[in-house]
Protein backbone atom coordinates (compact mmCIF):
# COMPACT_ATOMS: atom_id res chain seq x y z
CA MET A 1 19.14 26.73 22.48
CA SER A 2 20.83 28.84 25.02
CA TRP A 3 23.34 27.57 27.72
CA THR A 4 24.87 29.21 30.78
CA ARG A 5 27.94 28.57 32.74
CA PRO A 6 27.96 25.89 35.30
CA ASP A 7 28.77 28.23 38.06
CA GLU A 8 25.58 30.35 37.09
CA GLY A 9 23.27 27.51 38.38
CA SER A 10 23.22 24.67 35.68
CA PRO A 11 25.08 21.33 35.95
CA GLU A 12 27.81 20.77 33.28
CA GLU A 13 25.43 18.38 31.51
CA ALA A 14 22.84 21.05 30.90
CA TRP A 15 24.98 23.32 28.63
CA LEU A 16 27.49 21.03 27.06
CA PRO A 17 26.25 20.04 23.63
CA GLY A 18 26.24 16.55 22.48
CA ARG A 19 27.91 17.00 19.10
CA ALA A 20 29.98 20.24 18.19
CA LEU A 21 31.63 21.71 15.14
CA VAL A 22 35.09 23.71 15.27
CA VAL A 23 35.83 25.66 12.38
CA GLY A 24 39.51 26.63 12.16
CA LEU A 25 42.25 24.86 13.79
CA ALA A 26 44.67 27.46 14.62
CA ARG A 27 45.64 28.08 18.26
CA SER A 28 42.21 28.80 19.52
CA GLY A 29 40.29 25.98 17.49
CA ARG A 30 42.65 23.49 18.72
CA ALA A 31 42.00 24.59 22.35
CA ALA A 32 38.34 24.69 21.92
CA ALA A 33 38.13 21.15 20.26
CA ALA A 34 40.39 19.74 22.83
CA ALA A 35 38.35 21.26 25.73
CA LEU A 36 35.16 20.06 24.43
CA ALA A 37 36.38 16.41 23.47
CA GLY A 38 37.74 16.29 26.84
CA ARG A 39 34.25 16.74 28.33
CA GLY A 40 32.82 13.82 26.29
CA VAL A 41 31.46 15.88 23.49
CA HIS A 42 31.61 14.42 20.16
CA VAL A 43 33.64 16.87 18.20
CA VAL A 44 33.87 17.54 14.44
CA ALA A 45 36.92 19.87 13.35
CA THR A 46 37.66 21.30 9.87
CA ASP A 47 40.24 23.42 8.43
CA ARG A 48 41.02 24.59 4.95
CA SER A 49 44.56 23.73 5.36
CA SER A 50 45.77 20.10 4.98
CA ASP A 51 48.91 21.23 6.65
CA VAL A 52 47.34 22.34 9.92
CA ASP A 53 49.06 21.04 13.03
CA ALA A 54 45.98 19.06 14.61
CA GLY A 55 48.24 18.20 17.72
CA ARG A 56 46.76 15.36 19.70
CA LEU A 57 43.03 16.05 18.53
CA GLY A 58 42.92 12.63 16.82
CA ASP A 59 43.91 10.87 20.05
CA LEU A 60 41.09 12.64 21.79
CA GLY A 61 38.58 11.15 19.37
CA VAL A 62 38.14 14.50 17.33
CA GLU A 63 36.61 13.78 13.93
CA LEU A 64 38.96 15.74 11.61
CA HIS A 65 38.37 16.97 8.20
CA LEU A 66 41.54 18.81 6.94
CA GLY A 67 42.14 20.52 3.47
CA SER A 68 38.71 19.50 2.11
CA GLU A 69 35.79 21.79 0.97
CA GLU A 70 32.99 19.52 2.08
CA GLU A 71 29.39 20.49 1.79
CA ALA A 72 28.09 22.31 4.86
CA GLU A 73 24.93 20.16 5.01
CA ALA A 74 27.26 16.96 5.82
CA LEU A 75 29.46 18.54 8.29
CA LEU A 76 26.65 20.36 10.18
CA ALA A 77 24.48 17.29 10.46
CA GLY A 78 23.45 16.72 14.17
CA VAL A 79 25.81 19.52 15.22
CA GLU A 80 24.35 21.74 18.28
CA LEU A 81 26.96 24.14 18.55
CA VAL A 82 29.44 25.70 16.17
CA VAL A 83 32.85 27.25 17.54
CA LYS A 84 34.47 29.64 15.15
CA SER A 85 38.23 30.58 15.14
CA PRO A 86 38.91 34.23 14.84
CA GLY A 87 40.22 34.05 11.37
CA VAL A 88 37.12 32.51 9.86
CA PRO A 89 34.69 35.16 8.56
CA ALA A 90 30.99 35.36 9.34
CA GLU A 91 30.30 34.72 5.50
CA SER A 92 31.82 31.21 5.18
CA ALA A 93 29.70 28.61 4.07
CA LEU A 94 29.91 26.65 7.47
CA VAL A 95 29.09 29.56 9.49
CA ALA A 96 26.37 30.86 7.32
CA GLY A 97 24.89 27.61 7.18
CA ALA A 98 24.77 27.19 10.84
CA ARG A 99 23.01 30.35 11.48
CA SER A 100 20.35 29.48 8.89
CA ARG A 101 19.80 26.43 10.71
CA GLY A 102 19.56 28.32 14.06
CA ILE A 103 22.66 26.52 15.46
CA PRO A 104 24.52 28.67 17.92
CA VAL A 105 27.63 30.40 16.63
CA TRP A 106 30.31 31.05 19.35
CA SER A 107 33.77 32.44 19.39
CA GLU A 108 36.48 30.39 21.33
CA VAL A 109 36.34 33.01 24.10
CA GLU A 110 32.45 32.60 24.50
CA LEU A 111 33.35 28.95 25.05
CA GLY A 112 36.45 29.55 27.45
CA TYR A 113 34.19 31.99 29.44
CA ARG A 114 31.58 29.28 30.09
CA LEU A 115 34.35 26.86 31.38
CA LEU A 116 35.76 29.24 33.71
CA PRO A 117 35.86 27.91 37.43
CA ALA A 118 33.35 29.33 39.95
CA GLY A 119 34.25 32.87 41.28
CA THR A 120 36.40 33.62 38.41
CA ARG A 121 36.56 37.48 37.55
CA VAL A 122 37.60 38.57 33.99
CA ILE A 123 39.07 41.88 32.90
CA GLY A 124 38.50 42.29 29.27
CA VAL A 125 40.94 44.59 27.02
CA THR A 126 40.12 45.58 23.55
CA GLY A 127 40.94 48.38 21.21
CA THR A 128 42.90 49.04 17.71
CA ASN A 129 46.29 49.27 19.25
CA GLY A 130 47.76 48.63 22.72
CA LYS A 131 46.02 45.52 23.44
CA THR A 132 48.69 43.18 24.50
CA THR A 133 50.82 45.72 26.00
CA THR A 134 47.82 46.75 28.29
CA THR A 135 46.76 43.15 28.92
CA GLU A 136 50.26 41.91 30.03
CA LEU A 137 50.68 45.12 32.32
CA LEU A 138 47.45 44.28 33.94
CA GLY A 139 48.65 40.84 34.57
CA ALA A 140 51.80 42.29 36.02
CA ILE A 141 49.77 44.66 38.28
CA LEU A 142 47.63 41.87 39.47
CA ARG A 143 50.63 39.59 40.32
CA ALA A 144 52.41 42.45 42.17
CA ALA A 145 49.07 42.79 44.20
CA GLY A 146 49.48 39.09 45.14
CA ARG A 147 46.29 37.96 43.11
CA PRO A 148 46.08 34.76 41.15
CA VAL A 149 45.93 35.74 37.57
CA GLU A 150 45.84 34.17 34.08
CA VAL A 151 46.53 36.21 31.00
CA ALA A 152 44.90 34.96 28.05
CA GLY A 153 43.00 35.74 24.84
CA ASN A 154 43.94 37.27 21.42
CA VAL A 155 47.71 36.85 21.68
CA GLY A 156 49.38 34.30 23.68
CA ARG A 157 47.22 31.34 25.41
CA ALA A 158 43.69 30.81 24.34
CA LEU A 159 41.03 31.41 26.94
CA THR A 160 39.82 27.94 26.75
CA ASP A 161 43.30 26.73 27.78
CA ALA A 162 43.44 29.33 30.53
CA ALA A 163 40.01 28.24 31.92
CA LEU A 164 41.33 24.81 32.36
CA GLU A 165 44.01 25.91 34.51
CA ALA A 166 42.77 28.70 36.35
CA ALA A 167 41.79 28.20 40.21
CA GLU A 168 38.46 29.29 41.73
CA GLY A 169 38.49 32.72 42.69
CA SER A 170 41.32 33.73 40.27
CA TRP A 171 41.37 36.81 37.76
CA ILE A 172 41.44 36.53 34.15
CA VAL A 173 42.91 39.28 31.94
CA CYS A 174 41.75 38.64 28.31
CA GLU A 175 42.97 40.37 25.22
CA LEU A 176 39.94 40.52 22.82
CA SER A 177 39.97 41.28 19.07
CA SER A 178 37.05 42.44 17.06
CA PHE A 179 36.76 39.05 15.38
CA GLN A 180 36.54 37.42 18.84
CA LEU A 181 34.02 39.89 20.05
CA GLU A 182 31.55 39.50 17.26
CA ASP A 183 30.55 36.06 18.36
CA VAL A 184 30.05 36.33 22.02
CA GLU A 185 26.65 35.67 23.73
CA ALA A 186 27.01 35.39 27.56
CA PHE A 187 30.62 36.64 27.76
CA ALA A 188 30.76 39.31 30.62
CA CYS A 189 33.69 41.32 31.93
CA ASP A 190 33.86 42.32 35.47
CA VAL A 191 36.07 45.10 34.12
CA ALA A 192 35.96 45.87 30.30
CA VAL A 193 38.56 48.23 28.86
CA LEU A 194 38.28 50.11 25.28
CA LEU A 195 41.67 51.55 24.66
CA ASN A 196 41.03 53.39 21.35
CA LEU A 197 39.28 53.05 18.02
CA GLU A 198 40.95 53.62 14.60
CA PRO A 199 40.07 52.18 11.27
CA ASP A 200 41.47 48.53 10.95
CA HIS A 201 40.48 45.36 9.60
CA LEU A 202 38.25 46.98 6.97
CA ASP A 203 39.19 44.13 4.66
CA ARG A 204 37.21 41.85 7.16
CA HIS A 205 34.25 44.13 8.47
CA GLY A 206 33.83 46.22 5.56
CA THR A 207 33.05 49.50 7.22
CA PHE A 208 34.37 51.33 10.41
CA ASP A 209 30.91 51.38 11.99
CA ALA A 210 30.85 47.63 11.78
CA TYR A 211 34.34 47.36 13.13
CA ARG A 212 33.30 49.78 15.93
CA ALA A 213 30.17 47.71 16.73
CA ALA A 214 32.07 44.56 17.15
CA LYS A 215 34.63 46.30 19.51
CA LEU A 216 32.00 47.76 21.63
CA ARG A 217 30.34 44.45 22.28
CA ILE A 218 32.94 44.12 25.02
CA PHE A 219 30.76 46.35 27.25
CA GLU A 220 27.77 44.27 26.84
CA ARG A 221 26.99 42.68 30.25
CA ALA A 222 30.28 44.39 31.87
CA ARG A 223 30.08 45.64 35.50
CA ALA A 224 32.63 48.34 35.17
CA LYS A 225 33.64 50.11 31.91
CA VAL A 226 37.10 51.84 31.29
CA VAL A 227 37.00 54.18 28.25
CA PRO A 228 39.18 57.02 26.56
CA ARG A 229 38.41 60.45 27.80
CA GLY A 230 36.50 62.23 25.04
CA LEU A 231 35.01 59.05 23.23
CA GLY A 232 31.48 59.78 24.54
CA ILE A 233 31.02 56.62 26.21
CA ASP A 234 29.94 56.50 29.77
CA GLY A 235 32.53 54.78 32.01
CA ILE A 236 35.67 55.34 34.05
CA GLU A 237 37.96 57.64 31.84
CA PHE A 238 41.51 57.80 31.21
CA SER A 239 43.98 59.72 29.31
CA ALA A 240 47.77 59.92 28.67
CA ASP A 241 48.02 62.98 30.88
CA ASP A 242 46.47 61.21 34.05
CA PRO A 243 48.60 61.46 37.12
CA LEU A 244 49.83 57.89 37.69
CA PRO A 245 51.18 56.04 40.84
CA ALA A 246 54.59 55.74 38.91
CA GLU A 247 55.87 56.63 35.45
CA PRO A 248 55.90 53.71 33.24
CA LEU A 249 59.13 52.03 32.29
CA MET A 250 58.10 51.62 28.76
CA PRO A 251 58.82 54.49 26.13
CA GLY A 252 56.36 56.82 24.33
CA ARG A 253 53.30 58.79 25.10
CA HIS A 254 50.92 55.95 23.80
CA ASN A 255 52.56 53.74 26.57
CA ARG A 256 51.69 56.26 29.08
CA GLU A 257 48.23 56.14 27.72
CA ASN A 258 48.17 52.28 27.95
CA ALA A 259 49.63 52.73 31.56
CA ALA A 260 46.61 55.01 32.44
CA ALA A 261 44.19 52.54 31.06
CA ALA A 262 45.68 49.88 33.12
CA THR A 263 45.74 51.83 36.26
CA ALA A 264 42.06 52.84 35.71
CA ALA A 265 41.12 49.04 35.23
CA ALA A 266 43.33 48.02 38.26
CA ARG A 267 41.72 50.43 40.55
CA ALA A 268 38.17 49.30 39.26
CA ALA A 269 39.11 45.80 40.23
CA GLY A 270 40.23 46.92 43.80
CA VAL A 271 44.10 46.94 43.35
CA GLY A 272 46.11 49.47 45.45
CA ASP A 273 48.25 52.09 44.17
CA ASP A 274 51.48 50.51 45.55
CA ALA A 275 51.08 47.41 43.47
CA ILE A 276 50.24 49.56 40.39
CA ALA A 277 53.48 51.63 41.00
CA GLU A 278 55.51 48.43 41.34
CA ALA A 279 54.47 47.06 38.05
CA LEU A 280 54.57 50.42 36.09
CA GLY A 281 58.11 50.93 37.30
CA THR A 282 59.21 47.46 36.28
CA PHE A 283 57.20 46.12 33.32
CA PRO A 284 59.50 46.28 30.12
CA GLY A 285 56.76 46.04 27.39
CA VAL A 286 56.04 43.08 25.03
CA PRO A 287 57.94 41.47 22.12
CA HIS A 288 57.55 43.12 18.82
CA ARG A 289 56.37 46.54 20.10
CA LEU A 290 58.94 49.15 20.15
CA GLU A 291 61.26 46.42 21.29
CA LEU A 292 65.02 47.36 21.41
CA VAL A 293 66.76 44.59 19.53
CA ARG A 294 70.25 46.03 19.91
CA GLU A 295 72.44 49.02 19.59
CA LEU A 296 75.40 48.61 16.99
CA HIS A 297 77.94 51.59 16.27
CA GLY A 298 75.58 54.06 17.78
CA VAL A 299 72.52 52.95 15.90
CA ARG A 300 69.43 51.62 17.69
CA TRP A 301 67.39 48.82 15.85
CA ILE A 302 63.89 48.65 17.09
CA ASN A 303 61.26 46.02 16.32
CA ASP A 304 57.81 47.29 16.11
CA SER A 305 56.46 44.25 13.90
CA LYS A 306 53.18 44.49 15.92
CA ALA A 307 52.38 47.77 14.31
CA THR A 308 49.88 46.35 11.55
CA ASN A 309 48.19 49.51 10.84
CA THR A 310 48.80 53.21 10.55
CA ALA A 311 47.61 54.18 13.97
CA ALA A 312 50.14 51.97 15.49
CA ALA A 313 52.89 52.96 13.18
CA ARG A 314 52.00 56.65 13.98
CA ARG A 315 52.56 55.84 17.68
CA GLY A 316 55.95 54.14 16.99
CA VAL A 317 57.25 56.98 14.90
CA ALA A 318 56.15 59.58 17.45
CA ALA A 319 58.10 57.69 20.21
CA TYR A 320 61.53 58.85 18.77
CA ASP A 321 62.93 62.25 18.32
CA ALA A 322 66.26 61.02 16.80
CA PRO A 323 66.78 60.51 12.98
CA LEU A 324 64.72 57.58 11.77
CA ARG A 325 65.14 54.99 9.09
CA LEU A 326 61.67 53.64 8.75
CA ILE A 327 60.68 50.07 7.27
CA LEU A 328 57.20 50.17 5.82
CA GLY A 329 55.14 47.63 4.28
CA GLY A 330 53.44 44.01 4.23
CA SER A 331 50.12 42.81 3.34
CA LEU A 332 46.87 45.06 2.60
CA LYS A 333 44.10 45.61 5.30
CA GLY A 334 42.05 48.08 3.33
CA GLU A 335 43.62 51.19 5.01
CA ASP A 336 44.32 54.61 3.16
CA PHE A 337 48.05 55.41 3.64
CA GLY A 338 47.59 58.97 2.44
CA PRO A 339 47.04 60.75 5.91
CA PHE A 340 49.67 58.70 7.41
CA ALA A 341 52.13 59.69 4.68
CA ARG A 342 51.47 63.27 4.82
CA ASP A 343 51.99 63.50 8.50
CA LEU A 344 55.22 61.53 8.72
CA PRO A 345 57.45 64.11 10.74
CA SER A 346 60.60 65.40 9.35
CA ASN A 347 62.83 63.28 11.49
CA VAL A 348 62.06 60.46 9.17
CA CYS A 349 65.11 60.57 6.95
CA SER A 350 64.72 57.36 4.94
CA ILE A 351 61.89 54.96 4.12
CA TYR A 352 62.36 51.46 2.94
CA LEU A 353 59.33 49.67 1.55
CA VAL A 354 58.70 45.95 1.54
CA GLY A 355 55.91 43.63 0.66
CA ALA A 356 52.63 43.72 -1.29
CA ALA A 357 51.51 47.11 0.15
CA SER A 358 54.70 48.70 -1.57
CA ASP A 359 52.63 50.05 -4.42
CA GLU A 360 49.94 51.63 -2.31
CA LEU A 361 52.49 53.15 -0.02
CA ALA A 362 54.51 54.50 -2.78
CA GLY A 363 51.44 56.20 -4.29
CA ALA A 364 50.74 57.90 -0.88
CA LEU A 365 54.55 58.90 -0.21
CA ASP A 366 54.81 60.28 -3.92
CA ALA A 367 51.63 62.51 -3.27
CA ALA A 368 53.11 63.64 0.18
CA GLY A 369 56.37 64.45 -1.48
CA ARG A 370 58.48 62.09 0.44
CA ALA A 371 61.14 60.06 -0.83
CA TYR A 372 61.51 56.34 -0.50
CA ILE A 373 63.47 53.21 -1.59
CA ARG A 374 61.72 49.85 -2.70
CA THR A 375 63.68 47.05 -0.96
CA GLY A 376 61.20 44.21 -1.55
CA ASP A 377 61.86 42.29 1.65
CA ILE A 378 62.93 42.60 5.19
CA ALA A 379 66.33 41.12 4.52
CA THR A 380 67.18 43.81 1.80
CA ALA A 381 65.73 46.77 3.97
CA VAL A 382 67.91 45.87 6.82
CA ALA A 383 70.91 45.63 4.76
CA ARG A 384 70.12 48.86 3.07
CA ALA A 385 69.32 50.52 6.37
CA ALA A 386 72.59 49.27 7.86
CA SER A 387 74.42 50.86 5.13
CA ASP A 388 72.70 54.31 5.56
CA ALA A 389 72.46 54.75 9.26
CA GLU A 390 74.66 57.01 11.17
CA PRO A 391 75.68 57.05 14.86
CA GLY A 392 72.62 58.62 16.81
CA ASP A 393 70.06 57.26 14.34
CA VAL A 394 67.20 54.89 15.00
CA VAL A 395 66.14 52.15 12.38
CA LEU A 396 62.57 51.36 13.03
CA LEU A 397 60.54 48.36 11.68
CA SER A 398 56.99 49.89 12.09
CA PRO A 399 55.10 48.45 8.99
CA ALA A 400 51.70 49.90 8.95
CA SER A 401 50.60 46.60 7.44
CA ALA A 402 49.95 43.24 8.34
CA SER A 403 52.45 40.35 7.57
CA TYR A 404 50.54 37.78 5.60
CA ASP A 405 52.21 38.47 2.40
CA GLN A 406 55.44 37.17 3.39
CA PHE A 407 55.35 35.75 6.83
CA ALA A 408 52.83 33.71 8.79
CA SER A 409 52.18 36.36 11.57
CA PHE A 410 53.66 39.67 12.88
CA GLU A 411 55.64 37.58 15.25
CA GLU A 412 57.54 35.72 12.71
CA ARG A 413 58.17 39.05 11.03
CA GLY A 414 59.50 40.52 13.94
CA GLU A 415 61.66 37.45 14.61
CA THR A 416 63.05 37.58 11.31
CA PHE A 417 63.81 41.13 11.64
CA ARG A 418 65.68 40.44 15.01
CA ARG A 419 67.65 37.60 13.65
CA LEU A 420 68.87 39.77 10.62
CA VAL A 421 69.80 42.68 13.02
CA GLU A 422 71.66 40.32 15.42
CA ASP A 423 73.59 39.08 12.61
CA LEU A 424 74.75 42.46 11.62
CA SER A 425 78.52 43.00 12.45
């Protein structure tokens, strides 16, 4: 079965399924279930957790199956469409069962795209690192240009929710993860941006080639492609060394690269340099990415909790010339920490290890001849760093690991760090 967006010539009834299954009820799953139910679709929704917040889905008539491991046969009966949340792997029984039955499987962004009003234009942003910063910066640029814009996707509001609020002819800037892109079908960007490609999420994708293939799906059906110089992909190229309409307010060479990508994408969307310059000079960055929490007794405390892989942590470390007290660790993602440990610069004067990745990080640091302290958790690491740090130092939480061993998300980890630092006297 193949459906098209209503503004592509088919009436809404022609593409909406009669019965749909939503797998996973985190933010994007809830949005998808609510949007479908609100259009008269009979929605079955399931999540492995019985504690999931289903919100108002029950009031919308959604048939909820929470915390149970029901047979795929029963849940898939009569289903014409499966919408899969990003956290649900392709190998799950329900997803595999749907594919074996020829039932379409979409990511939530595919559904959201098909719900967009007529004339909506999409700028998609993907890459291993810098997605959120570049997405939000592009939103600021479009607002400076006086264009109606909604920012959505991987971090923040689900695209399905944004689609319900977007006006005809508006712009959507959508952050896209590899998990979202692996299940698109008709999704098409007016401008598609690839920021970079580093090994990440290998615990889910298995190989870098599979991860890369998922990321590159952003270019399928794209009208304009924005790509890093030297990557070997045809498109509008950018690099950190590009001349820009204004220097970005955000610190670090990696943020200049993000600004160059946003500038190239905005120009491809027809935005003038005056609006780009205004946004570059005023955009402060995003929470949990090189966020200055406070300066206390001459010590700067930086929250970089969003650095969930070694490539992002490298960028965080490289942003500072001052003596660094570095907090590393969290849950594992299948990365090799060896090259990261070997390349740590000499201004990293102390390292505090937390979480499940501590053993692997310790092994890599031992092999690199770098000293470290096992602190176990963020609270202990903050206390020890506060004791060790001297005026002029930077204490940097840039974990190079995911957060799921001790926190529900990198946001929760960053907020915990922020609270602990604000409580220091």
